[in-house]
């Protein structure tokens, strides 16, 4: 059975070819904590994100690509229901929002 985790998901998206390629790109990655936090818009509510740019965003936790320092089995998450930052066990189910470009 194939792995079911953020790395496997990112790799599967980047492995798509031709017309199936996501937005024509193959350099998708998990965002940094700061990139995720920059999407939080406290002038909106539940979810706290601009719905014009990110329609249908569930008010859930989204993984960053960063481990929590001192506890490598945790990774940072941003909750778009309320806009807070937290760390969870990496084996927890969370949403994924991939990004492109340099860090």
N, C-alpha and C. Protein backbone atom coordinates (compact mmCIF):
# COMPACT_ATOMS: atom_id res chain seq x y z
N UNK A 1 0.84 -1.17 0.00
CA UNK A 1 0.00 0.00 0.00
C UNK A 1 0.90 1.25 0.00
N UNK A 2 0.54 2.21 -0.81
CA UNK A 2 1.30 3.45 -0.89
C UNK A 2 1.12 4.26 0.40
N UNK A 3 2.13 5.04 0.71
CA UNK A 3 2.03 5.89 1.89
C UNK A 3 0.96 6.96 1.68
N UNK A 4 0.32 7.30 2.75
CA UNK A 4 -0.70 8.35 2.71
C UNK A 4 -0.27 9.42 3.71
N UNK A 5 0.53 10.39 3.21
CA UNK A 5 1.00 11.47 4.07
C UNK A 5 1.26 12.69 3.20
N UNK A 6 1.65 13.78 3.80
CA UNK A 6 1.83 15.02 3.06
C UNK A 6 2.94 14.91 2.01
N UNK A 7 4.01 14.21 2.33
CA UNK A 7 5.09 14.04 1.37
C UNK A 7 4.62 13.25 0.16
N UNK A 8 3.91 12.16 0.40
CA UNK A 8 3.40 11.34 -0.70
C UNK A 8 2.40 12.14 -1.54
N UNK A 9 1.55 12.94 -0.89
CA UNK A 9 0.59 13.76 -1.63
C UNK A 9 1.31 14.78 -2.51
N UNK A 10 2.26 15.50 -1.92
CA UNK A 10 3.03 16.49 -2.69
C UNK A 10 3.74 15.83 -3.87
N UNK A 11 4.36 14.69 -3.62
CA UNK A 11 5.06 13.98 -4.69
C UNK A 11 4.11 13.52 -5.78
N UNK A 12 2.92 13.06 -5.40
CA UNK A 12 1.93 12.62 -6.39
C UNK A 12 1.46 13.79 -7.24
N UNK A 13 1.23 14.94 -6.62
CA UNK A 13 0.82 16.13 -7.38
C UNK A 13 1.94 16.54 -8.33
N UNK A 14 3.17 16.54 -7.87
CA UNK A 14 4.29 16.93 -8.71
C UNK A 14 4.59 15.92 -9.81
N UNK A 15 4.15 14.69 -9.66
CA UNK A 15 4.39 13.65 -10.66
C UNK A 15 3.35 13.67 -11.79
N UNK A 16 2.28 14.44 -11.62
CA UNK A 16 1.27 14.52 -12.67
C UNK A 16 1.90 15.07 -13.94
N UNK A 17 1.40 14.61 -15.09
CA UNK A 17 1.98 15.04 -16.36
C UNK A 17 0.90 15.54 -17.31
N UNK A 18 1.34 16.24 -18.33
CA UNK A 18 0.44 16.71 -19.39
C UNK A 18 -0.71 17.53 -18.87
N UNK A 19 -1.89 17.25 -19.38
CA UNK A 19 -3.09 18.01 -19.02
C UNK A 19 -3.50 17.79 -17.57
N UNK A 20 -3.01 16.73 -16.94
CA UNK A 20 -3.34 16.44 -15.54
C UNK A 20 -2.49 17.25 -14.56
N UNK A 21 -1.41 17.85 -15.04
CA UNK A 21 -0.51 18.60 -14.16
C UNK A 21 -1.26 19.76 -13.51
N UNK A 22 -1.13 19.92 -12.20
CA UNK A 22 -1.83 20.96 -11.46
C UNK A 22 -1.31 22.33 -11.87
N UNK A 23 -2.15 23.11 -12.53
CA UNK A 23 -1.81 24.46 -13.00
C UNK A 23 -0.55 24.48 -13.85
N UNK A 24 -0.25 23.36 -14.50
CA UNK A 24 0.90 23.29 -15.39
C UNK A 24 2.24 23.25 -14.68
N UNK A 25 2.26 23.04 -13.39
CA UNK A 25 3.52 23.10 -12.62
C UNK A 25 3.85 21.77 -11.96
N UNK A 26 5.13 21.59 -11.65
CA UNK A 26 5.57 20.38 -10.96
C UNK A 26 6.53 20.72 -9.82
N UNK A 27 6.39 21.93 -9.26
CA UNK A 27 7.27 22.34 -8.17
C UNK A 27 6.48 22.72 -6.92
N UNK A 28 5.39 22.02 -6.66
CA UNK A 28 4.55 22.28 -5.49
C UNK A 28 5.25 21.81 -4.22
N UNK A 29 4.98 22.50 -3.13
CA UNK A 29 5.56 22.15 -1.83
C UNK A 29 4.60 22.58 -0.73
N UNK A 30 4.85 22.09 0.49
CA UNK A 30 4.09 22.56 1.65
C UNK A 30 4.60 23.94 2.03
N UNK A 31 3.72 24.84 2.44
CA UNK A 31 4.15 26.19 2.79
C UNK A 31 4.87 26.24 4.13
N UNK A 32 5.62 27.30 4.32
CA UNK A 32 6.21 27.56 5.63
C UNK A 32 5.10 28.04 6.56
N UNK A 33 5.39 28.08 7.84
CA UNK A 33 4.44 28.60 8.81
C UNK A 33 4.09 30.05 8.48
N UNK A 34 5.10 30.85 8.18
CA UNK A 34 4.85 32.26 7.88
C UNK A 34 4.00 32.44 6.62
N UNK A 35 4.20 31.58 5.64
CA UNK A 35 3.38 31.66 4.43
C UNK A 35 1.92 31.35 4.76
N UNK A 36 1.69 30.33 5.57
CA UNK A 36 0.30 30.01 5.96
C UNK A 36 -0.31 31.14 6.78
N UNK A 37 0.45 31.65 7.75
CA UNK A 37 -0.06 32.72 8.60
C UNK A 37 -0.36 33.99 7.79
N UNK A 38 0.36 34.19 6.69
CA UNK A 38 0.12 35.38 5.88
C UNK A 38 -1.24 35.33 5.17
N UNK A 39 -1.85 34.16 5.12
CA UNK A 39 -3.17 34.02 4.50
C UNK A 39 -4.31 34.30 5.46
N UNK A 40 -4.01 34.34 6.75
CA UNK A 40 -5.04 34.59 7.76
C UNK A 40 -5.54 36.02 7.62
N UNK A 41 -6.86 36.18 7.56
CA UNK A 41 -7.49 37.50 7.45
C UNK A 41 -8.49 37.63 8.59
N UNK A 42 -8.10 38.35 9.64
CA UNK A 42 -8.95 38.48 10.82
C UNK A 42 -10.14 39.42 10.61
N UNK A 43 -10.26 40.00 9.42
CA UNK A 43 -11.44 40.81 9.11
C UNK A 43 -12.58 39.95 8.60
N UNK A 44 -12.32 38.66 8.46
CA UNK A 44 -13.35 37.69 8.06
C UNK A 44 -13.57 36.72 9.22
N UNK A 45 -14.58 35.91 9.09
CA UNK A 45 -14.87 34.93 10.14
C UNK A 45 -15.15 33.57 9.55
N UNK A 46 -14.62 32.57 10.17
CA UNK A 46 -14.95 31.17 9.98
C UNK A 46 -15.27 30.78 8.54
N UNK A 47 -14.32 30.75 7.65
CA UNK A 47 -12.89 30.75 7.88
C UNK A 47 -12.29 32.15 7.85
N UNK A 48 -11.14 32.27 8.48
CA UNK A 48 -10.43 33.54 8.52
C UNK A 48 -9.44 33.61 7.36
N UNK A 49 -10.00 33.67 6.16
CA UNK A 49 -9.21 33.71 4.92
C UNK A 49 -10.07 34.41 3.87
N UNK A 50 -9.44 35.08 2.93
CA UNK A 50 -10.16 35.80 1.89
C UNK A 50 -10.84 34.80 0.96
N UNK A 51 -12.16 34.71 1.06
CA UNK A 51 -12.93 33.72 0.28
C UNK A 51 -12.93 34.03 -1.21
N UNK A 52 -12.62 35.26 -1.60
CA UNK A 52 -12.54 35.58 -3.03
C UNK A 52 -11.34 34.89 -3.67
N UNK A 53 -10.23 34.82 -2.94
CA UNK A 53 -9.03 34.16 -3.45
C UNK A 53 -9.00 32.67 -3.13
N UNK A 54 -9.60 32.29 -2.02
CA UNK A 54 -9.57 30.91 -1.57
C UNK A 54 -10.99 30.42 -1.28
N UNK A 55 -11.83 30.28 -2.31
CA UNK A 55 -13.23 29.88 -2.08
C UNK A 55 -13.31 28.47 -1.51
N UNK A 56 -14.36 28.24 -0.75
CA UNK A 56 -14.67 26.91 -0.20
C UNK A 56 -13.58 26.36 0.72
N UNK A 57 -12.84 27.23 1.37
CA UNK A 57 -11.80 26.78 2.31
C UNK A 57 -12.45 26.31 3.60
N UNK A 58 -12.27 25.05 3.96
CA UNK A 58 -12.80 24.58 5.25
C UNK A 58 -12.11 25.29 6.42
N UNK A 59 -12.84 25.56 7.45
CA UNK A 59 -12.30 26.18 8.67
C UNK A 59 -11.63 25.09 9.49
N UNK A 60 -10.50 24.62 9.01
CA UNK A 60 -9.78 23.49 9.59
C UNK A 60 -8.30 23.82 9.74
N UNK A 61 -7.57 22.87 10.30
CA UNK A 61 -6.11 22.96 10.42
C UNK A 61 -5.46 22.61 9.08
N UNK A 62 -4.41 23.34 8.75
CA UNK A 62 -3.64 23.09 7.53
C UNK A 62 -2.18 22.91 7.90
N UNK A 63 -1.57 21.85 7.33
CA UNK A 63 -0.18 21.55 7.62
C UNK A 63 0.75 22.58 7.02
N UNK A 64 1.79 22.91 7.75
CA UNK A 64 2.94 23.61 7.18
C UNK A 64 3.98 22.54 6.86
N UNK A 65 5.03 22.95 6.23
CA UNK A 65 6.12 22.01 5.94
C UNK A 65 7.20 22.04 7.00
N UNK A 66 6.90 22.60 8.16
CA UNK A 66 7.92 22.78 9.20
C UNK A 66 7.64 21.94 10.44
N UNK A 67 8.68 21.25 10.88
CA UNK A 67 8.60 20.52 12.14
C UNK A 67 8.60 21.50 13.30
N UNK A 68 8.02 21.06 14.39
CA UNK A 68 8.12 21.85 15.61
C UNK A 68 9.50 21.59 16.20
N UNK A 69 10.24 22.66 16.42
CA UNK A 69 11.57 22.52 17.00
C UNK A 69 11.43 21.84 18.36
N UNK A 70 12.33 21.00 18.70
CA UNK A 70 12.39 20.23 19.95
C UNK A 70 11.53 18.97 19.93
N UNK A 71 10.48 18.93 19.12
CA UNK A 71 9.64 17.73 19.06
C UNK A 71 9.44 17.38 17.58
N UNK A 72 10.33 16.58 17.04
CA UNK A 72 10.33 16.28 15.61
C UNK A 72 9.10 15.48 15.16
N UNK A 73 8.38 14.86 16.09
CA UNK A 73 7.18 14.11 15.71
C UNK A 73 5.97 15.02 15.55
N UNK A 74 6.15 16.32 15.79
CA UNK A 74 5.09 17.31 15.60
C UNK A 74 5.45 18.22 14.43
N UNK A 75 4.42 18.75 13.76
CA UNK A 75 4.62 19.77 12.73
C UNK A 75 3.64 20.91 13.00
N UNK A 76 3.99 22.10 12.52
CA UNK A 76 3.15 23.27 12.74
C UNK A 76 1.94 23.27 11.82
N UNK A 77 0.83 23.76 12.36
CA UNK A 77 -0.43 23.89 11.64
C UNK A 77 -1.00 25.27 11.87
N UNK A 78 -1.77 25.75 10.90
CA UNK A 78 -2.54 26.97 11.07
C UNK A 78 -4.00 26.60 10.92
N UNK A 79 -4.81 27.04 11.88
CA UNK A 79 -6.25 26.74 11.86
C UNK A 79 -6.97 27.92 11.23
N UNK A 80 -7.60 27.68 10.08
CA UNK A 80 -8.29 28.76 9.36
C UNK A 80 -9.71 28.99 9.84
N UNK A 81 -10.11 28.34 10.90
CA UNK A 81 -11.38 28.66 11.54
C UNK A 81 -11.23 29.87 12.45
N UNK A 82 -10.08 29.94 13.14
CA UNK A 82 -9.84 31.03 14.09
C UNK A 82 -8.50 31.73 13.89
N UNK A 83 -7.62 31.18 13.06
CA UNK A 83 -6.37 31.83 12.74
C UNK A 83 -5.22 31.57 13.68
N UNK A 84 -5.29 30.52 14.49
CA UNK A 84 -4.19 30.29 15.43
C UNK A 84 -3.19 29.27 14.90
N UNK A 85 -2.00 29.34 15.47
CA UNK A 85 -0.90 28.44 15.14
C UNK A 85 -0.79 27.40 16.24
N UNK A 86 -0.60 26.15 15.86
CA UNK A 86 -0.45 25.10 16.83
C UNK A 86 0.39 23.99 16.20
N UNK A 87 0.85 23.07 17.00
CA UNK A 87 1.60 21.92 16.52
C UNK A 87 0.84 20.65 16.87
N UNK A 88 0.86 19.69 15.96
CA UNK A 88 0.17 18.42 16.15
C UNK A 88 1.09 17.29 15.75
N UNK A 89 0.75 16.09 16.26
CA UNK A 89 1.46 14.89 15.82
C UNK A 89 1.36 14.79 14.31
N UNK A 90 2.44 14.42 13.67
CA UNK A 90 2.46 14.33 12.21
C UNK A 90 1.51 13.27 11.67
N UNK A 91 1.12 12.33 12.51
CA UNK A 91 0.19 11.29 12.02
C UNK A 91 -1.27 11.73 12.15
N UNK A 92 -1.52 12.98 12.52
CA UNK A 92 -2.88 13.51 12.63
C UNK A 92 -3.40 13.88 11.23
N UNK A 93 -4.71 13.78 11.06
CA UNK A 93 -5.34 14.17 9.80
C UNK A 93 -5.55 15.68 9.80
N UNK A 94 -5.00 16.34 8.80
CA UNK A 94 -5.13 17.78 8.62
C UNK A 94 -5.26 18.07 7.13
N UNK A 95 -5.69 19.28 6.81
CA UNK A 95 -5.81 19.73 5.43
C UNK A 95 -4.41 20.06 4.88
N UNK A 96 -4.30 20.10 3.55
CA UNK A 96 -3.06 20.47 2.89
C UNK A 96 -3.36 21.55 1.87
N UNK A 97 -2.56 22.59 1.86
CA UNK A 97 -2.61 23.64 0.84
C UNK A 97 -1.21 23.76 0.29
N UNK A 98 -1.01 23.34 -0.93
CA UNK A 98 0.31 23.40 -1.54
C UNK A 98 0.57 24.79 -2.11
N UNK A 99 1.85 25.16 -2.17
CA UNK A 99 2.27 26.45 -2.73
C UNK A 99 3.42 26.19 -3.69
N UNK A 100 3.78 27.24 -4.42
CA UNK A 100 4.92 27.17 -5.34
C UNK A 100 5.84 28.35 -5.08
N UNK A 101 7.04 28.24 -5.60
CA UNK A 101 7.97 29.36 -5.52
C UNK A 101 8.96 29.18 -4.39
N UNK A 102 9.91 30.12 -4.33
CA UNK A 102 10.97 30.06 -3.31
C UNK A 102 10.41 30.30 -1.92
N UNK A 103 11.18 29.90 -0.95
CA UNK A 103 10.76 30.05 0.43
C UNK A 103 11.25 31.34 1.00
